[in-house]
Amino acid sequence: MATEYTPKRCQRGLATLAALALTSCSFAADYRLETWVGGLQLPWSIAFLPDGSALVTELGGRLRPVAADGQVGPPVANVPAVYFAGQGGLFDVVLHPAFADNRLVYLSYAEGTPADNGTAVLRARLGGSAAQPALEDAVVIFRNFSRKDTAVHYGGRLAFLPDGSLLLTTGDGFDDREAAQDVGSGLGKVLRMNDDGSPAAGNPFPGSPYVYSYGHRNPQGLAVSASGAIWLHEHGPRGGDEVNRIEPGVNYGWPAITYGVDYSGAIISPYTEMAGMAQPVHHWTPSIAPSGLAIYEARLFPDWQGDLLVGALVDREVRRLDLEDGVVTAEESLFEELATRIRDVRVGPGGALFVLTPDRVMRVTPAGNG
């Protein structure tokens, strides 16, 4: 049963906002919040098919088909085995830009063993039947060329660019944080590849042909605007979560610069800025633990137009970042009444917002919209 809500507060004075000396911020429209599908087990990501149905990944390794009316079908067959440990498992699902013609689906996931694991990408054709959907002609098109022995910090977000190339975020593996500054490493990076997994032409480092940007910690939010602007957020340690606008060849600083400290309270770096390293567009201390990112470019919520929507695992809400000419001018807390971890945020059919919690997918529409 749907319930209608009014957003409770608009936040100011956090991190970069403080420097802007904001005096006001606008609230979004009231909204209607309802369970679209329940009974899931650690859903991590969602992709909408042209007919309004969807595919939902579950961290443990299942890909769940969901009809447009929210009915869950049997798990999709032939999903690859995942390394389900720590933060590892089945991560993102995205559709090829020409999905309507080729039915190609891309999955990111953790694969390997405790001593040798990494982030991988699989491409497959969505086939089978309504009674038993299946992945067909599956091929692992990419395995991270830098391996690790930790079950954390995989990154794992995927997004296609307007030129048809595919972005993949990778984490630093936690124990290998210095690798984020090494352009020869695949850890702590945004990687760019063709739709077949080969390195994309025009990447900025000829000696490391997949690397697009570097100096990242654990990026679990990635979104590309209609104009091709790339937005990313990443977990800081204790404090220092960041939102960044991604440009090719740019060093985003981790761990040489950071607004956070180690979990023990120890200093990771005495520097928050350094020549040749980009500053975040926005950052949070204390951490909100961001996961999932959407750019709202639909019409259903006019007040959100062009804004970033960020899931918060620790703060158990969604943050709306009001963007004006690439600058965050206000920040609003949404959906606090869910009181649960938010793993992903996506814009779906008709401009509705879909929010993934540990056991369900919530659908958000304007109040009075049904």
Protein backbone atom coordinates (compact mmCIF):
# COMPACT_ATOMS: atom_id res chain seq x y z
CA MET A 1 0.00 0.00 0.00
CA ALA A 2 1.36 3.40 -1.00
CA THR A 3 1.90 6.18 1.50
CA GLU A 4 2.43 9.87 0.74
CA TYR A 5 5.13 11.93 2.44
CA THR A 6 6.52 15.43 2.67
CA PRO A 7 10.34 15.76 2.75
CA LYS A 8 11.42 16.65 6.28
CA ARG A 9 14.45 18.84 5.99
CA CYS A 10 16.94 20.52 3.74
CA GLN A 11 20.55 20.28 4.84
CA ARG A 12 23.08 23.06 4.64
CA GLY A 13 26.55 23.78 5.93
CA LEU A 14 28.04 20.36 5.14
CA ALA A 15 31.57 20.34 3.77
CA THR A 16 31.67 22.23 0.47
CA LEU A 17 28.24 23.75 1.11
CA ALA A 18 29.59 25.67 4.09
CA ALA A 19 31.95 27.60 1.86
CA LEU A 20 29.05 28.70 -0.32
CA ALA A 21 27.31 30.50 2.56
CA LEU A 22 23.93 29.23 1.42
CA THR A 23 20.95 31.12 2.76
CA SER A 24 18.11 28.99 1.43
CA CYS A 25 17.31 25.74 -0.32
CA SER A 26 14.21 24.52 -2.07
CA PHE A 27 12.25 21.41 -1.18
CA ALA A 28 11.18 18.84 -3.72
CA ALA A 29 7.52 18.07 -4.27
CA ASP A 30 5.69 15.75 -1.89
CA TYR A 31 6.00 12.16 -2.96
CA ARG A 32 4.22 8.83 -2.92
CA LEU A 33 6.32 5.88 -1.71
CA GLU A 34 5.33 2.27 -2.34
CA THR A 35 6.89 -1.17 -2.47
CA TRP A 36 7.25 -2.14 -6.13
CA VAL A 37 8.76 -5.56 -5.39
CA GLY A 38 9.58 -7.25 -2.09
CA GLY A 39 11.13 -10.48 -0.92
CA LEU A 40 14.56 -9.85 -2.46
CA GLN A 41 17.90 -10.79 -0.92
CA LEU A 42 20.43 -7.93 -0.92
CA PRO A 43 19.46 -6.34 -4.24
CA TRP A 44 22.39 -4.33 -5.58
CA SER A 45 21.32 -2.82 -8.91
CA ILE A 46 18.42 -2.57 -11.35
CA ALA A 47 18.10 -2.08 -15.12
CA PHE A 48 14.81 -1.35 -16.90
CA LEU A 49 13.90 -3.07 -20.16
CA PRO A 50 12.04 -1.25 -22.95
CA ASP A 51 8.69 -2.84 -21.96
CA GLY A 52 8.87 -1.51 -18.39
CA SER A 53 10.07 -4.78 -16.86
CA ALA A 54 13.41 -4.93 -15.09
CA LEU A 55 16.40 -7.03 -14.10
CA VAL A 56 17.59 -6.85 -10.50
CA THR A 57 20.93 -8.20 -9.28
CA GLU A 58 21.20 -9.77 -5.83
CA LEU A 59 24.63 -9.66 -4.22
CA GLY A 60 24.63 -13.42 -3.58
CA GLY A 61 24.63 -14.14 -7.31
CA ARG A 62 21.04 -14.19 -8.57
CA LEU A 63 19.65 -12.08 -11.41
CA ARG A 64 15.90 -11.59 -10.85
CA PRO A 65 13.46 -10.66 -13.64
CA VAL A 66 10.65 -8.34 -12.54
CA ALA A 67 7.56 -7.71 -14.65
CA ALA A 68 6.26 -4.18 -15.15
CA ASP A 69 3.66 -4.80 -12.44
CA GLY A 70 6.33 -5.76 -9.89
CA GLN A 71 5.87 -9.54 -10.08
CA VAL A 72 9.16 -11.41 -9.63
CA GLY A 73 9.93 -14.31 -11.95
CA PRO A 74 12.30 -17.25 -11.54
CA PRO A 75 16.02 -16.37 -11.37
CA VAL A 76 17.68 -15.95 -14.74
CA ALA A 77 19.67 -19.06 -15.66
CA ASN A 78 23.37 -19.18 -16.57
CA VAL A 79 24.48 -16.27 -14.39
CA PRO A 80 28.22 -16.66 -13.70
CA ALA A 81 29.47 -17.95 -10.37
CA VAL A 82 30.45 -15.02 -8.16
CA TYR A 83 32.87 -14.65 -5.28
CA PHE A 84 30.30 -13.96 -2.58
CA ALA A 85 32.35 -12.88 0.44
CA GLY A 86 32.78 -9.64 2.35
CA GLN A 87 31.66 -6.94 -0.09
CA GLY A 88 32.03 -9.29 -3.06
CA GLY A 89 29.21 -10.71 -5.16
CA LEU A 90 27.04 -9.81 -8.14
CA PHE A 91 27.07 -6.06 -8.66
CA ASP A 92 25.74 -4.00 -11.53
CA VAL A 93 23.50 -4.77 -14.50
CA VAL A 94 23.24 -2.50 -17.54
CA LEU A 95 21.75 -2.92 -20.99
CA HIS A 96 23.62 -2.38 -24.24
CA PRO A 97 22.51 0.91 -25.86
CA ALA A 98 21.08 -1.17 -28.72
CA PHE A 99 19.39 -3.69 -26.40
CA ALA A 100 16.09 -3.49 -28.27
CA ASP A 101 17.86 -5.01 -31.28
CA ASN A 102 20.60 -7.21 -29.77
CA ARG A 103 19.26 -8.14 -26.28
CA LEU A 104 22.76 -7.74 -24.79
CA VAL A 105 23.11 -7.44 -21.01
CA TYR A 106 26.27 -6.62 -19.04
CA LEU A 107 26.98 -7.76 -15.48
CA SER A 108 29.81 -6.76 -13.15
CA TYR A 109 30.78 -9.07 -10.31
CA ALA A 110 33.53 -10.26 -8.00
CA GLU A 111 35.23 -13.43 -9.21
CA GLY A 112 38.14 -15.57 -8.04
CA THR A 113 39.31 -16.93 -4.72
CA PRO A 114 40.23 -15.45 -1.32
CA ALA A 115 43.87 -15.27 -2.41
CA ASP A 116 43.23 -14.07 -5.99
CA ASN A 117 40.09 -12.09 -6.82
CA GLY A 118 38.95 -9.06 -8.72
CA THR A 119 36.16 -7.29 -10.57
CA ALA A 120 34.95 -8.84 -13.84
CA VAL A 121 32.42 -7.99 -16.56
CA LEU A 122 30.24 -10.49 -18.43
CA ARG A 123 28.29 -9.85 -21.63
CA ALA A 124 25.37 -12.11 -22.59
CA ARG A 125 22.18 -12.17 -24.62
CA LEU A 126 18.97 -12.22 -22.60
CA GLY A 127 16.97 -15.15 -23.91
CA GLY A 128 15.10 -18.21 -22.73
CA SER A 129 11.37 -17.96 -22.05
CA ALA A 130 9.05 -16.14 -19.68
CA ALA A 131 8.92 -19.31 -17.60
CA GLN A 132 12.70 -19.64 -17.55
CA PRO A 133 14.71 -16.62 -18.71
CA ALA A 134 18.38 -17.34 -19.40
CA LEU A 135 21.64 -15.71 -20.38
CA GLU A 136 22.87 -17.01 -23.72
CA ASP A 137 26.20 -16.67 -25.57
CA ALA A 138 27.78 -15.45 -22.32
CA VAL A 139 31.36 -14.20 -22.50
CA VAL A 140 33.57 -12.73 -19.77
CA ILE A 141 34.81 -9.69 -21.65
CA PHE A 142 36.99 -8.23 -18.88
CA ARG A 143 38.82 -9.38 -15.76
CA ASN A 144 40.71 -6.84 -13.72
CA PHE A 145 44.35 -7.23 -14.65
CA SER A 146 45.37 -6.25 -11.10
CA ARG A 147 44.41 -8.94 -8.58
CA LYS A 148 43.96 -8.72 -4.83
CA ASP A 149 43.54 -10.91 -1.76
CA THR A 150 40.86 -8.88 0.04
CA ALA A 151 37.08 -9.29 -0.23
CA VAL A 152 36.37 -5.55 -0.15
CA HIS A 153 36.52 -2.41 -2.33
CA TYR A 154 35.53 -3.74 -5.75
CA GLY A 155 33.82 -0.63 -7.13
CA GLY A 156 31.73 -2.51 -9.67
CA ARG A 157 29.55 0.18 -11.27
CA LEU A 158 28.96 0.18 -15.03
CA ALA A 159 27.72 2.88 -17.41
CA PHE A 160 27.72 3.38 -21.17
CA LEU A 161 28.90 6.65 -22.70
CA PRO A 162 27.17 8.26 -25.70
CA ASP A 163 29.97 6.98 -27.99
CA GLY A 164 29.06 3.37 -27.07
CA SER A 165 32.08 2.72 -24.86
CA LEU A 166 31.60 1.19 -21.41
CA LEU A 167 32.87 2.51 -18.08
CA LEU A 168 33.69 0.28 -15.10
CA THR A 169 34.68 1.51 -11.64
CA THR A 170 37.17 -0.46 -9.55
CA GLY A 171 38.08 -0.09 -5.89
CA ASP A 172 41.53 0.00 -4.35
CA GLY A 173 41.21 -3.36 -2.56
CA PHE A 174 41.59 -1.56 0.80
CA ASP A 175 45.05 -2.98 1.57
CA ASP A 176 46.42 -1.74 -1.77
CA ARG A 177 45.36 1.88 -1.57
CA GLU A 178 48.65 3.18 -2.98
CA ALA A 179 47.78 1.35 -6.22
CA ALA A 180 45.08 3.95 -6.83
CA GLN A 181 47.90 6.40 -7.71
CA ASP A 182 49.60 3.94 -10.10
CA VAL A 183 48.21 4.32 -13.63
CA GLY A 184 49.67 0.90 -14.42
CA SER A 185 47.32 -0.72 -11.90
CA GLY A 186 43.66 -1.59 -12.43
CA LEU A 187 42.81 -0.81 -8.79
CA GLY A 188 41.17 2.47 -7.74
CA LYS A 189 40.26 3.47 -11.28
CA VAL A 190 37.58 4.30 -13.78
CA LEU A 191 38.26 2.00 -16.74
CA ARG A 192 36.92 2.54 -20.26
CA MET A 193 36.45 -0.25 -22.78
CA ASN A 194 34.61 -1.07 -25.98
CA ASP A 195 31.40 -3.09 -25.77
CA ASP A 196 33.42 -6.25 -26.42
CA GLY A 197 35.80 -5.59 -23.51
CA SER A 198 38.78 -4.40 -25.55
CA PRO A 199 40.45 -1.10 -24.57
CA ALA A 200 38.61 1.89 -26.01
CA ALA A 201 40.47 4.21 -28.37
CA GLY A 202 41.38 7.63 -27.03
CA ASN A 203 42.03 6.66 -23.41
CA PRO A 204 44.64 8.99 -21.88
CA PHE A 205 47.42 6.53 -20.90
CA PRO A 206 48.88 4.55 -23.82
CA GLY A 207 50.92 2.40 -21.45
CA SER A 208 47.78 1.43 -19.51
CA PRO A 209 45.13 1.38 -22.23
CA TYR A 210 42.04 0.80 -20.05
CA VAL A 211 42.60 3.57 -17.48
CA TYR A 212 40.36 6.62 -17.89
CA SER A 213 40.82 8.30 -14.48
CA TYR A 214 42.62 7.37 -11.27
CA GLY A 215 43.05 8.15 -7.59
CA HIS A 216 39.73 6.57 -6.50
CA ARG A 217 39.03 4.63 -3.31
CA ASN A 218 35.81 2.63 -3.75
CA PRO A 219 33.46 4.17 -6.33
CA GLN A 220 29.94 2.76 -5.94
CA GLY A 221 28.04 5.48 -7.75
CA LEU A 222 28.35 6.18 -11.48
CA ALA A 223 25.96 8.00 -13.80
CA VAL A 224 26.21 9.61 -17.24
CA SER A 225 23.98 12.52 -18.20
CA ALA A 226 22.20 12.81 -21.54
CA SER A 227 24.92 15.25 -22.60
CA GLY A 228 27.69 12.78 -21.68
CA ALA A 229 28.81 14.31 -18.38
CA ILE A 230 30.21 11.60 -16.07
CA TRP A 231 29.40 11.81 -12.36
CA LEU A 232 30.87 9.49 -9.76
CA HIS A 233 30.84 9.18 -6.00
CA GLU A 234 33.12 7.10 -3.82
CA HIS A 235 33.42 5.99 -0.23
CA GLY A 236 35.97 7.80 1.90
CA PRO A 237 37.47 6.08 4.96
CA ARG A 238 36.16 7.71 8.17
CA GLY A 239 34.84 10.84 6.51
CA GLY A 240 35.78 12.16 3.11
CA ASP A 241 33.10 10.57 0.91
CA GLU A 242 33.35 12.36 -2.43
CA VAL A 243 31.31 13.37 -5.47
CA ASN A 244 33.43 13.95 -8.56
CA ARG A 245 32.89 15.06 -12.15
CA ILE A 246 35.05 12.63 -14.13
CA GLU A 247 37.35 13.81 -16.90
CA PRO A 248 39.85 11.65 -18.82
CA GLY A 249 43.36 11.47 -17.39
CA VAL A 250 42.52 13.30 -14.17
CA ASN A 251 43.95 12.25 -10.81
CA TYR A 252 41.27 12.41 -8.09
CA GLY A 253 43.80 12.20 -5.30
CA TRP A 254 43.25 9.09 -3.18
CA PRO A 255 45.17 8.40 -0.95
CA ALA A 256 47.57 11.33 -1.43
CA ILE A 257 44.79 13.77 -0.53
CA THR A 258 41.64 13.07 1.44
CA TYR A 259 39.13 14.74 3.73
CA GLY A 260 38.88 11.56 5.82
CA VAL A 261 41.03 9.73 8.36
CA ASP A 262 41.66 6.03 8.87
CA TYR A 263 39.11 3.97 10.83
CA SER A 264 41.54 3.93 13.74
CA GLY A 265 41.70 7.72 13.69
CA ALA A 266 45.21 7.69 12.21
CA ILE A 267 46.09 10.28 9.59
CA ILE A 268 46.13 8.84 6.05
CA SER A 269 47.46 12.05 4.51
CA PRO A 270 48.02 15.49 6.01
CA TYR A 271 46.84 17.01 2.73
CA THR A 272 43.35 17.77 1.44
CA GLU A 273 44.63 19.31 -1.77
CA MET A 274 47.72 19.06 -3.93
CA ALA A 275 48.82 20.41 -7.29
CA GLY A 276 47.74 18.19 -10.16
CA MET A 277 44.94 16.50 -8.18
CA ALA A 278 41.26 17.33 -8.58
CA GLN A 279 39.12 18.57 -5.73
CA PRO A 280 35.75 16.89 -5.23
CA VAL A 281 32.66 18.78 -6.31
CA HIS A 282 31.17 17.83 -2.94
CA HIS A 283 32.23 15.78 0.06
CA TRP A 284 30.80 14.49 3.33
CA THR A 285 32.33 14.29 6.79
CA PRO A 286 31.15 12.33 8.67
CA SER A 287 30.58 9.67 6.04
CA ILE A 288 27.12 8.92 4.68
CA ALA A 289 28.52 5.80 2.88
CA PRO A 290 27.20 6.63 -0.61
CA SER A 291 25.96 3.86 -2.89
CA GLY A 292 24.00 4.22 -6.08
CA LEU A 293 23.73 7.41 -8.12
CA ALA A 294 21.18 8.82 -10.54
CA ILE A 295 21.00 12.02 -12.56
CA TYR A 296 17.39 13.12 -12.68
CA GLU A 297 16.56 14.32 -16.20
CA ALA A 298 12.91 13.22 -16.39
CA ARG A 299 9.81 15.42 -16.05
CA LEU A 300 7.82 13.72 -13.30
CA PHE A 301 9.61 15.68 -10.55
CA PRO A 302 10.34 19.10 -12.14
CA ASP A 303 12.10 20.39 -9.01
CA TRP A 304 14.70 17.61 -9.32
CA GLN A 305 15.60 18.37 -12.94
CA GLY A 306 19.37 18.04 -13.46
CA ASP A 307 20.04 17.05 -9.83
CA LEU A 308 22.04 14.13 -8.43
CA LEU A 309 20.32 11.53 -6.26
CA VAL A 310 22.67 9.60 -3.96
CA GLY A 311 21.85 6.55 -1.84
CA ALA A 312 23.24 6.56 1.71
CA LEU A 313 23.99 3.26 3.44
CA VAL A 314 24.90 4.68 6.85
CA ASP A 315 22.49 7.61 6.94
CA ARG A 316 19.66 5.41 5.58
CA GLU A 317 18.20 7.93 3.17
CA VAL A 318 18.67 9.45 -0.26
CA ARG A 319 20.47 12.76 -0.66
CA ARG A 320 19.35 15.11 -3.42
CA LEU A 321 22.17 17.39 -4.54
CA ASP A 322 20.84 20.48 -6.27
CA LEU A 323 23.20 21.13 -9.19
CA GLU A 324 23.46 24.55 -10.79
CA ASP A 325 26.07 24.84 -13.56
CA GLY A 326 27.97 21.89 -12.12
CA VAL A 327 28.03 23.29 -8.57
CA VAL A 328 26.15 21.82 -5.61
CA THR A 329 24.04 24.66 -4.24
CA ALA A 330 21.82 22.74 -1.81
CA GLU A 331 21.36 19.29 -0.31
CA GLU A 332 18.11 17.64 0.72
CA SER A 333 17.42 14.45 2.68
CA LEU A 334 14.73 12.20 1.21
CA PHE A 335 12.98 8.98 2.25
CA GLU A 336 14.25 8.96 5.85
CA GLU A 337 11.03 7.18 6.77
CA LEU A 338 12.38 4.00 5.14
CA ALA A 339 14.92 3.81 7.99
CA THR A 340 17.07 1.32 6.12
CA ARG A 341 20.25 1.11 4.05
CA ILE A 342 19.92 2.43 0.49
CA ARG A 343 21.97 0.46 -2.03
CA ASP A 344 20.92 1.93 -5.37
CA VAL A 345 18.88 4.75 -6.87
CA ARG A 346 17.67 4.66 -10.48
CA VAL A 347 15.28 6.60 -12.68
CA GLY A 348 12.74 4.25 -14.25
CA PRO A 349 9.79 4.27 -16.65
CA GLY A 350 7.88 7.53 -16.81
CA GLY A 351 10.41 9.33 -14.62
CA ALA A 352 9.55 7.43 -11.42
CA LEU A 353 12.42 6.92 -9.00
CA PHE A 354 13.31 3.41 -7.83
CA VAL A 355 15.20 2.89 -4.57
CA LEU A 356 16.84 -0.42 -3.58
CA THR A 357 16.90 -1.44 0.09
CA PRO A 358 18.23 -4.71 1.60
CA ASP A 359 15.06 -6.65 0.68
CA ARG A 360 12.94 -4.67 -1.75
CA VAL A 361 12.62 -2.09 -4.50
CA MET A 362 10.62 1.03 -3.65
CA ARG A 363 8.88 3.14 -6.28
CA VAL A 364 8.61 6.92 -5.83
CA THR A 365 6.09 9.08 -7.69
CA PRO A 366 4.60 12.51 -6.93
CA ALA A 367 1.93 12.64 -4.23
CA GLY A 368 -1.55 12.25 -5.64
CA ASN A 369 -0.17 10.38 -8.66
CA GLY A 370 -2.43 7.37 -8.30
